[in-house]
ModelCIF file with pLDDT and N, C-alpha, C, O atoms, coordinates in Angstrom:
data_MODEL
#
_entry.id   MODEL 
#
_entity.id                         1 
_entity.type                       polymer 
_entity.pdbx_number_of_molecules   1 
#
_entity_poly.entity_id                      1 
_entity_poly.type                           'polypeptide(L)' 
_entity_poly.nstd_linkage                   no 
_entity_poly.nstd_monomer                   no 
_entity_poly.pdbx_seq_one_letter_code       HTPGETVFLYESLVGMIFRQVFTDGRPLPANPEPAWL 
_entity_poly.pdbx_seq_one_letter_code_can   HTPGETVFLYESLVGMIFRQVFTDGRPLPANPEPAWL 
_entity_poly.pdbx_strand_id                 A 
#
loop_
_entity_poly_seq.entity_id 
_entity_poly_seq.num 
_entity_poly_seq.mon_id 
_entity_poly_seq.hetero 
1 1  HIS n 
1 2  THR n 
1 3  PRO n 
1 4  GLY n 
1 5  GLU n 
1 6  THR n 
1 7  VAL n 
1 8  PHE n 
1 9  LEU n 
1 10 TYR n 
1 11 GLU n 
1 12 SER n 
1 13 LEU n 
1 14 VAL n 
1 15 GLY n 
1 16 MET n 
1 17 ILE n 
1 18 PHE n 
1 19 ARG n 
1 20 GLN n 
1 21 VAL n 
1 22 PHE n 
1 23 THR n 
1 24 ASP n 
1 25 GLY n 
1 26 ARG n 
1 27 PRO n 
1 28 LEU n 
1 29 PRO n 
1 30 ALA n 
1 31 ASN n 
1 32 PRO n 
1 33 GLU n 
1 34 PRO n 
1 35 ALA n 
1 36 TRP n 
1 37 LEU n 
#
_struct_asym.id          A 
_struct_asym.entity_id   1 
#
loop_
_ma_qa_metric.id 
_ma_qa_metric.mode 
_ma_qa_metric.name 
_ma_qa_metric.software_group_id 
_ma_qa_metric.type 
1 global pLDDT . pLDDT 
2 local  pLDDT . pLDDT 
#
_ma_qa_metric_global.metric_id      1 
_ma_qa_metric_global.metric_value   93.05 
_ma_qa_metric_global.model_id       1 
_ma_qa_metric_global.ordinal_id     1 
#
loop_
_ma_qa_metric_local.label_asym_id 
_ma_qa_metric_local.label_comp_id 
_ma_qa_metric_local.label_seq_id 
_ma_qa_metric_local.metric_id 
_ma_qa_metric_local.metric_value 
_ma_qa_metric_local.model_id 
_ma_qa_metric_local.ordinal_id 
A HIS 1  2 93.00 1 1  
A THR 2  2 94.00 1 2  
A PRO 3  2 92.00 1 3  
A GLY 4  2 96.00 1 4  
A GLU 5  2 97.00 1 5  
A THR 6  2 98.00 1 6  
A VAL 7  2 97.00 1 7  
A PHE 8  2 95.00 1 8  
A LEU 9  2 94.00 1 9  
A TYR 10 2 92.00 1 10 
A GLU 11 2 90.00 1 11 
A SER 12 2 84.00 1 12 
A LEU 13 2 81.00 1 13 
A VAL 14 2 82.00 1 14 
A GLY 15 2 79.00 1 15 
A MET 16 2 84.00 1 16 
A ILE 17 2 90.00 1 17 
A PHE 18 2 94.00 1 18 
A ARG 19 2 95.00 1 19 
A GLN 20 2 97.00 1 20 
A VAL 21 2 98.00 1 21 
A PHE 22 2 98.00 1 22 
A THR 23 2 98.00 1 23 
A ASP 24 2 97.00 1 24 
A GLY 25 2 97.00 1 25 
A ARG 26 2 97.00 1 26 
A PRO 27 2 97.00 1 27 
A LEU 28 2 97.00 1 28 
A PRO 29 2 95.00 1 29 
A ALA 30 2 93.00 1 30 
A ASN 31 2 92.00 1 31 
A PRO 32 2 93.00 1 32 
A GLU 33 2 93.00 1 33 
A PRO 34 2 94.00 1 34 
A ALA 35 2 94.00 1 35 
A TRP 36 2 92.00 1 36 
A LEU 37 2 94.00 1 37 
#
loop_
_atom_site.group_PDB 
_atom_site.id 
_atom_site.type_symbol 
_atom_site.label_atom_id 
_atom_site.label_alt_id 
_atom_site.label_comp_id 
_atom_site.label_asym_id 
_atom_site.label_entity_id 
_atom_site.label_seq_id 
_atom_site.pdbx_PDB_ins_code 
_atom_site.Cartn_x 
_atom_site.Cartn_y 
_atom_site.Cartn_z 
_atom_site.occupancy 
_atom_site.B_iso_or_equiv 
_atom_site.pdbx_formal_charge 
_atom_site.auth_seq_id 
_atom_site.auth_comp_id 
_atom_site.auth_asym_id 
_atom_site.auth_atom_id 
_atom_site.pdbx_PDB_model_num 
ATOM 1   N N  . HIS A 1 1  ? -0.771  3.035  -11.376 1.00 93.00 ? 1  HIS A N  1 
ATOM 2   C CA . HIS A 1 1  ? -2.084  3.602  -11.033 1.00 93.00 ? 1  HIS A CA 1 
ATOM 3   C C  . HIS A 1 1  ? -3.188  2.791  -11.698 1.00 93.00 ? 1  HIS A C  1 
ATOM 4   O O  . HIS A 1 1  ? -3.150  2.557  -12.906 1.00 93.00 ? 1  HIS A O  1 
ATOM 5   N N  . THR A 1 2  ? -4.168  2.364  -10.914 1.00 94.00 ? 2  THR A N  1 
ATOM 6   C CA . THR A 1 2  ? -5.365  1.701  -11.426 1.00 94.00 ? 2  THR A CA 1 
ATOM 7   C C  . THR A 1 2  ? -6.563  2.447  -10.855 1.00 94.00 ? 2  THR A C  1 
ATOM 8   O O  . THR A 1 2  ? -6.386  3.287  -9.973  1.00 94.00 ? 2  THR A O  1 
ATOM 9   N N  . PRO A 1 3  ? -7.774  2.170  -11.325 1.00 92.00 ? 3  PRO A N  1 
ATOM 10  C CA . PRO A 1 3  ? -8.939  2.913  -10.812 1.00 92.00 ? 3  PRO A CA 1 
ATOM 11  C C  . PRO A 1 3  ? -9.175  2.777  -9.299  1.00 92.00 ? 3  PRO A C  1 
ATOM 12  O O  . PRO A 1 3  ? -9.639  3.732  -8.676  1.00 92.00 ? 3  PRO A O  1 
ATOM 13  N N  . GLY A 1 4  ? -8.873  1.630  -8.694  1.00 96.00 ? 4  GLY A N  1 
ATOM 14  C CA . GLY A 1 4  ? -9.183  1.438  -7.287  1.00 96.00 ? 4  GLY A CA 1 
ATOM 15  C C  . GLY A 1 4  ? -8.005  1.491  -6.338  1.00 96.00 ? 4  GLY A C  1 
ATOM 16  O O  . GLY A 1 4  ? -8.188  1.519  -5.121  1.00 96.00 ? 4  GLY A O  1 
ATOM 17  N N  . GLU A 1 5  ? -6.800  1.507  -6.880  1.00 97.00 ? 5  GLU A N  1 
ATOM 18  C CA . GLU A 1 5  ? -5.631  1.597  -6.018  1.00 97.00 ? 5  GLU A CA 1 
ATOM 19  C C  . GLU A 1 5  ? -4.421  2.046  -6.822  1.00 97.00 ? 5  GLU A C  1 
ATOM 20  O O  . GLU A 1 5  ? -4.353  1.890  -8.041  1.00 97.00 ? 5  GLU A O  1 
ATOM 21  N N  . THR A 1 6  ? -3.479  2.604  -6.095  1.00 98.00 ? 6  THR A N  1 
ATOM 22  C CA . THR A 1 6  ? -2.182  2.971  -6.665  1.00 98.00 ? 6  THR A CA 1 
ATOM 23  C C  . THR A 1 6  ? -1.158  2.125  -5.936  1.00 98.00 ? 6  THR A C  1 
ATOM 24  O O  . THR A 1 6  ? -1.175  2.035  -4.708  1.00 98.00 ? 6  THR A O  1 
ATOM 25  N N  . VAL A 1 7  ? -0.269  1.506  -6.691  1.00 97.00 ? 7  VAL A N  1 
ATOM 26  C CA . VAL A 1 7  ? 0.714   0.592  -6.112  1.00 97.00 ? 7  VAL A CA 1 
ATOM 27  C C  . VAL A 1 7  ? 2.108   1.152  -6.335  1.00 97.00 ? 7  VAL A C  1 
ATOM 28  O O  . VAL A 1 7  ? 2.463   1.552  -7.444  1.00 97.00 ? 7  VAL A O  1 
ATOM 29  N N  . PHE A 1 8  ? 2.886   1.174  -5.275  1.00 95.00 ? 8  PHE A N  1 
ATOM 30  C CA . PHE A 1 8  ? 4.288   1.570  -5.336  1.00 95.00 ? 8  PHE A CA 1 
ATOM 31  C C  . PHE A 1 8  ? 5.113   0.285  -5.313  1.00 95.00 ? 8  PHE A C  1 
ATOM 32  O O  . PHE A 1 8  ? 4.954   -0.545 -4.418  1.00 95.00 ? 8  PHE A O  1 
ATOM 33  N N  . LEU A 1 9  ? 5.984   0.128  -6.286  1.00 94.00 ? 9  LEU A N  1 
ATOM 34  C CA . LEU A 1 9  ? 6.910   -0.999 -6.324  1.00 94.00 ? 9  LEU A CA 1 
ATOM 35  C C  . LEU A 1 9  ? 8.300   -0.461 -6.010  1.00 94.00 ? 9  LEU A C  1 
ATOM 36  O O  . LEU A 1 9  ? 8.808   0.403  -6.725  1.00 94.00 ? 9  LEU A O  1 
ATOM 37  N N  . TYR A 1 10 ? 8.905   -0.959 -4.962  1.00 92.00 ? 10 TYR A N  1 
ATOM 38  C CA . TYR A 1 10 ? 10.186  -0.436 -4.497  1.00 92.00 ? 10 TYR A CA 1 
ATOM 39  C C  . TYR A 1 10 ? 11.305  -1.458 -4.712  1.00 92.00 ? 10 TYR A C  1 
ATOM 40  O O  . TYR A 1 10 ? 11.139  -2.646 -4.436  1.00 92.00 ? 10 TYR A O  1 
ATOM 41  N N  . GLU A 1 11 ? 12.429  -0.981 -5.204  1.00 90.00 ? 11 GLU A N  1 
ATOM 42  C CA . GLU A 1 11 ? 13.655  -1.772 -5.205  1.00 90.00 ? 11 GLU A CA 1 
ATOM 43  C C  . GLU A 1 11 ? 14.390  -1.389 -3.931  1.00 90.00 ? 11 GLU A C  1 
ATOM 44  O O  . GLU A 1 11 ? 14.665  -0.211 -3.702  1.00 90.00 ? 11 GLU A O  1 
ATOM 45  N N  . SER A 1 12 ? 14.707  -2.366 -3.107  1.00 84.00 ? 12 SER A N  1 
ATOM 46  C CA . SER A 1 12 ? 15.404  -2.048 -1.863  1.00 84.00 ? 12 SER A CA 1 
ATOM 47  C C  . SER A 1 12 ? 16.485  -3.091 -1.606  1.00 84.00 ? 12 SER A C  1 
ATOM 48  O O  . SER A 1 12 ? 16.546  -4.119 -2.281  1.00 84.00 ? 12 SER A O  1 
ATOM 49  N N  . LEU A 1 13 ? 17.318  -2.818 -0.640  1.00 81.00 ? 13 LEU A N  1 
ATOM 50  C CA . LEU A 1 13 ? 18.395  -3.745 -0.295  1.00 81.00 ? 13 LEU A CA 1 
ATOM 51  C C  . LEU A 1 13 ? 17.875  -5.037 0.314   1.00 81.00 ? 13 LEU A C  1 
ATOM 52  O O  . LEU A 1 13 ? 18.608  -6.024 0.390   1.00 81.00 ? 13 LEU A O  1 
ATOM 53  N N  . VAL A 1 14 ? 16.624  -5.043 0.746   1.00 82.00 ? 14 VAL A N  1 
ATOM 54  C CA . VAL A 1 14 ? 16.045  -6.247 1.336   1.00 82.00 ? 14 VAL A CA 1 
ATOM 55  C C  . VAL A 1 14 ? 15.126  -6.967 0.357   1.00 82.00 ? 14 VAL A C  1 
ATOM 56  O O  . VAL A 1 14 ? 14.404  -7.882 0.753   1.00 82.00 ? 14 VAL A O  1 
ATOM 57  N N  . GLY A 1 15 ? 15.139  -6.576 -0.893  1.00 79.00 ? 15 GLY A N  1 
ATOM 58  C CA . GLY A 1 15 ? 14.318  -7.225 -1.906  1.00 79.00 ? 15 GLY A CA 1 
ATOM 59  C C  . GLY A 1 15 ? 13.214  -6.301 -2.401  1.00 79.00 ? 15 GLY A C  1 
ATOM 60  O O  . GLY A 1 15 ? 13.099  -5.152 -1.976  1.00 79.00 ? 15 GLY A O  1 
ATOM 61  N N  . MET A 1 16 ? 12.427  -6.824 -3.287  1.00 84.00 ? 16 MET A N  1 
ATOM 62  C CA . MET A 1 16 ? 11.307  -6.055 -3.842  1.00 84.00 ? 16 MET A CA 1 
ATOM 63  C C  . MET A 1 16 ? 10.217  -5.914 -2.782  1.00 84.00 ? 16 MET A C  1 
ATOM 64  O O  . MET A 1 16 ? 9.856   -6.884 -2.116  1.00 84.00 ? 16 MET A O  1 
ATOM 65  N N  . ILE A 1 17 ? 9.711   -4.723 -2.638  1.00 90.00 ? 17 ILE A N  1 
ATOM 66  C CA . ILE A 1 17 ? 8.664   -4.428 -1.661  1.00 90.00 ? 17 ILE A CA 1 
ATOM 67  C C  . ILE A 1 17 ? 7.568   -3.660 -2.384  1.00 90.00 ? 17 ILE A C  1 
ATOM 68  O O  . ILE A 1 17 ? 7.852   -2.832 -3.250  1.00 90.00 ? 17 ILE A O  1 
ATOM 69  N N  . PHE A 1 18 ? 6.329   -3.932 -2.034  1.00 94.00 ? 18 PHE A N  1 
ATOM 70  C CA . PHE A 1 18 ? 5.225   -3.188 -2.639  1.00 94.00 ? 18 PHE A CA 1 
ATOM 71  C C  . PHE A 1 18 ? 4.400   -2.510 -1.553  1.00 94.00 ? 18 PHE A C  1 
ATOM 72  O O  . PHE A 1 18 ? 4.406   -2.905 -0.387  1.00 94.00 ? 18 PHE A O  1 
ATOM 73  N N  . ARG A 1 19 ? 3.701   -1.489 -1.979  1.00 95.00 ? 19 ARG A N  1 
ATOM 74  C CA . ARG A 1 19 ? 2.826   -0.734 -1.076  1.00 95.00 ? 19 ARG A CA 1 
ATOM 75  C C  . ARG A 1 19 ? 1.530   -0.450 -1.810  1.00 95.00 ? 19 ARG A C  1 
ATOM 76  O O  . ARG A 1 19 ? 1.545   0.084  -2.919  1.00 95.00 ? 19 ARG A O  1 
ATOM 77  N N  . GLN A 1 20 ? 0.418   -0.802 -1.203  1.00 97.00 ? 20 GLN A N  1 
ATOM 78  C CA . GLN A 1 20 ? -0.893  -0.541 -1.781  1.00 97.00 ? 20 GLN A CA 1 
ATOM 79  C C  . GLN A 1 20 ? -1.470  0.724  -1.181  1.00 97.00 ? 20 GLN A C  1 
ATOM 80  O O  . GLN A 1 20 ? -1.482  0.889  0.039   1.00 97.00 ? 20 GLN A O  1 
ATOM 81  N N  . VAL A 1 21 ? -1.945  1.615  -2.031  1.00 98.00 ? 21 VAL A N  1 
ATOM 82  C CA . VAL A 1 21 ? -2.634  2.815  -1.589  1.00 98.00 ? 21 VAL A CA 1 
ATOM 83  C C  . VAL A 1 21 ? -4.038  2.720  -2.199  1.00 98.00 ? 21 VAL A C  1 
ATOM 84  O O  . VAL A 1 21 ? -4.209  2.865  -3.409  1.00 98.00 ? 21 VAL A O  1 
ATOM 85  N N  . PHE A 1 22 ? -5.020  2.478  -1.360  1.00 98.00 ? 22 PHE A N  1 
ATOM 86  C CA . PHE A 1 22 ? -6.382  2.301  -1.847  1.00 98.00 ? 22 PHE A CA 1 
ATOM 87  C C  . PHE A 1 22 ? -7.004  3.653  -2.183  1.00 98.00 ? 22 PHE A C  1 
ATOM 88  O O  . PHE A 1 22 ? -6.986  4.578  -1.372  1.00 98.00 ? 22 PHE A O  1 
ATOM 89  N N  . THR A 1 23 ? -7.549  3.749  -3.382  1.00 98.00 ? 23 THR A N  1 
ATOM 90  C CA . THR A 1 23 ? -8.139  5.005  -3.866  1.00 98.00 ? 23 THR A CA 1 
ATOM 91  C C  . THR A 1 23 ? -9.611  4.827  -4.200  1.00 98.00 ? 23 THR A C  1 
ATOM 92  O O  . THR A 1 23 ? -10.166 5.591  -4.990  1.00 98.00 ? 23 THR A O  1 
ATOM 93  N N  . ASP A 1 24 ? -10.242 3.831  -3.609  1.00 97.00 ? 24 ASP A N  1 
ATOM 94  C CA . ASP A 1 24 ? -11.647 3.535  -3.903  1.00 97.00 ? 24 ASP A CA 1 
ATOM 95  C C  . ASP A 1 24 ? -12.617 4.217  -2.949  1.00 97.00 ? 24 ASP A C  1 
ATOM 96  O O  . ASP A 1 24 ? -13.807 3.903  -2.949  1.00 97.00 ? 24 ASP A O  1 
ATOM 97  N N  . GLY A 1 25 ? -12.125 5.145  -2.139  1.00 97.00 ? 25 GLY A N  1 
ATOM 98  C CA . GLY A 1 25 ? -13.005 5.901  -1.249  1.00 97.00 ? 25 GLY A CA 1 
ATOM 99  C C  . GLY A 1 25 ? -13.145 5.331  0.147   1.00 97.00 ? 25 GLY A C  1 
ATOM 100 O O  . GLY A 1 25 ? -13.829 5.922  0.981   1.00 97.00 ? 25 GLY A O  1 
ATOM 101 N N  . ARG A 1 26 ? -12.529 4.219  0.420   1.00 97.00 ? 26 ARG A N  1 
ATOM 102 C CA . ARG A 1 26 ? -12.648 3.625  1.759   1.00 97.00 ? 26 ARG A CA 1 
ATOM 103 C C  . ARG A 1 26 ? -11.922 4.500  2.791   1.00 97.00 ? 26 ARG A C  1 
ATOM 104 O O  . ARG A 1 26 ? -10.970 5.201  2.449   1.00 97.00 ? 26 ARG A O  1 
ATOM 105 N N  . PRO A 1 27 ? -12.368 4.458  4.048   1.00 97.00 ? 27 PRO A N  1 
ATOM 106 C CA . PRO A 1 27 ? -11.669 5.209  5.103   1.00 97.00 ? 27 PRO A CA 1 
ATOM 107 C C  . PRO A 1 27 ? -10.492 4.394  5.630   1.00 97.00 ? 27 PRO A C  1 
ATOM 108 O O  . PRO A 1 27 ? -10.374 3.199  5.360   1.00 97.00 ? 27 PRO A O  1 
ATOM 109 N N  . LEU A 1 28 ? -9.632  5.060  6.380   1.00 97.00 ? 28 LEU A N  1 
ATOM 110 C CA . LEU A 1 28 ? -8.572  4.335  7.082   1.00 97.00 ? 28 LEU A CA 1 
ATOM 111 C C  . LEU A 1 28 ? -9.225  3.448  8.139   1.00 97.00 ? 28 LEU A C  1 
ATOM 112 O O  . LEU A 1 28 ? -10.170 3.882  8.797   1.00 97.00 ? 28 LEU A O  1 
ATOM 113 N N  . PRO A 1 29 ? -8.750  2.230  8.316   1.00 95.00 ? 29 PRO A N  1 
ATOM 114 C CA . PRO A 1 29 ? -9.335  1.363  9.343   1.00 95.00 ? 29 PRO A CA 1 
ATOM 115 C C  . PRO A 1 29 ? -8.998  1.864  10.742  1.00 95.00 ? 29 PRO A C  1 
ATOM 116 O O  . PRO A 1 29 ? -7.980  2.523  10.950  1.00 95.00 ? 29 PRO A O  1 
ATOM 117 N N  . ALA A 1 30 ? -9.867  1.543  11.697  1.00 93.00 ? 30 ALA A N  1 
ATOM 118 C CA . ALA A 1 30 ? -9.657  1.979  13.076  1.00 93.00 ? 30 ALA A CA 1 
ATOM 119 C C  . ALA A 1 30 ? -8.434  1.305  13.693  1.00 93.00 ? 30 ALA A C  1 
ATOM 120 O O  . ALA A 1 30 ? -7.666  1.954  14.403  1.00 93.00 ? 30 ALA A O  1 
ATOM 121 N N  . ASN A 1 31 ? -8.248  0.025  13.434  1.00 92.00 ? 31 ASN A N  1 
ATOM 122 C CA . ASN A 1 31 ? -7.134  -0.732 14.014  1.00 92.00 ? 31 ASN A CA 1 
ATOM 123 C C  . ASN A 1 31 ? -6.478  -1.611 12.951  1.00 92.00 ? 31 ASN A C  1 
ATOM 124 O O  . ASN A 1 31 ? -6.680  -2.825 12.947  1.00 92.00 ? 31 ASN A O  1 
ATOM 125 N N  . PRO A 1 32 ? -5.706  -1.019 12.062  1.00 93.00 ? 32 PRO A N  1 
ATOM 126 C CA . PRO A 1 32 ? -5.078  -1.838 11.028  1.00 93.00 ? 32 PRO A CA 1 
ATOM 127 C C  . PRO A 1 32 ? -3.987  -2.742 11.599  1.00 93.00 ? 32 PRO A C  1 
ATOM 128 O O  . PRO A 1 32 ? -3.382  -2.433 12.625  1.00 93.00 ? 32 PRO A O  1 
ATOM 129 N N  . GLU A 1 33 ? -3.751  -3.843 10.929  1.00 93.00 ? 33 GLU A N  1 
ATOM 130 C CA . GLU A 1 33 ? -2.658  -4.742 11.302  1.00 93.00 ? 33 GLU A CA 1 
ATOM 131 C C  . GLU A 1 33 ? -1.342  -3.992 11.104  1.00 93.00 ? 33 GLU A C  1 
ATOM 132 O O  . GLU A 1 33 ? -1.091  -3.504 10.002  1.00 93.00 ? 33 GLU A O  1 
ATOM 133 N N  . PRO A 1 34 ? -0.493  -3.881 12.128  1.00 94.00 ? 34 PRO A N  1 
ATOM 134 C CA . PRO A 1 34 ? 0.764   -3.139 11.968  1.00 94.00 ? 34 PRO A CA 1 
ATOM 135 C C  . PRO A 1 34 ? 1.657   -3.744 10.874  1.00 94.00 ? 34 PRO A C  1 
ATOM 136 O O  . PRO A 1 34 ? 1.806   -4.962 10.779  1.00 94.00 ? 34 PRO A O  1 
ATOM 137 N N  . ALA A 1 35 ? 2.235   -2.879 10.068  1.00 94.00 ? 35 ALA A N  1 
ATOM 138 C CA . ALA A 1 35 ? 3.118   -3.299 8.978   1.00 94.00 ? 35 ALA A CA 1 
ATOM 139 C C  . ALA A 1 35 ? 4.182   -2.225 8.778   1.00 94.00 ? 35 ALA A C  1 
ATOM 140 O O  . ALA A 1 35 ? 3.978   -1.072 9.156   1.00 94.00 ? 35 ALA A O  1 
ATOM 141 N N  . TRP A 1 36 ? 5.306   -2.595 8.191   1.00 92.00 ? 36 TRP A N  1 
ATOM 142 C CA . TRP A 1 36 ? 6.398   -1.642 7.978   1.00 92.00 ? 36 TRP A CA 1 
ATOM 143 C C  . TRP A 1 36 ? 5.964   -0.473 7.106   1.00 92.00 ? 36 TRP A C  1 
ATOM 144 O O  . TRP A 1 36 ? 6.428   0.650  7.305   1.00 92.00 ? 36 TRP A O  1 
ATOM 145 N N  . LEU A 1 37 ? 5.080   -0.716 6.142   1.00 94.00 ? 37 LEU A N  1 
ATOM 146 C CA . LEU A 1 37 ? 4.617   0.360  5.264   1.00 94.00 ? 37 LEU A CA 1 
ATOM 147 C C  . LEU A 1 37 ? 3.207   0.815  5.624   1.00 94.00 ? 37 LEU A C  1 
ATOM 148 O O  . LEU A 1 37 ? 2.666   1.715  4.982   1.00 94.00 ? 37 LEU A O  1 
#
């Protein structure tokens, strides 16, 4: 956890994966680039 984002670090069978969760007040984008997470 940091002031502007929370990051999840995952151990998985396909390697290390991270996920950014922005907590700086921004809205969800209208058309985000598709990604597994």
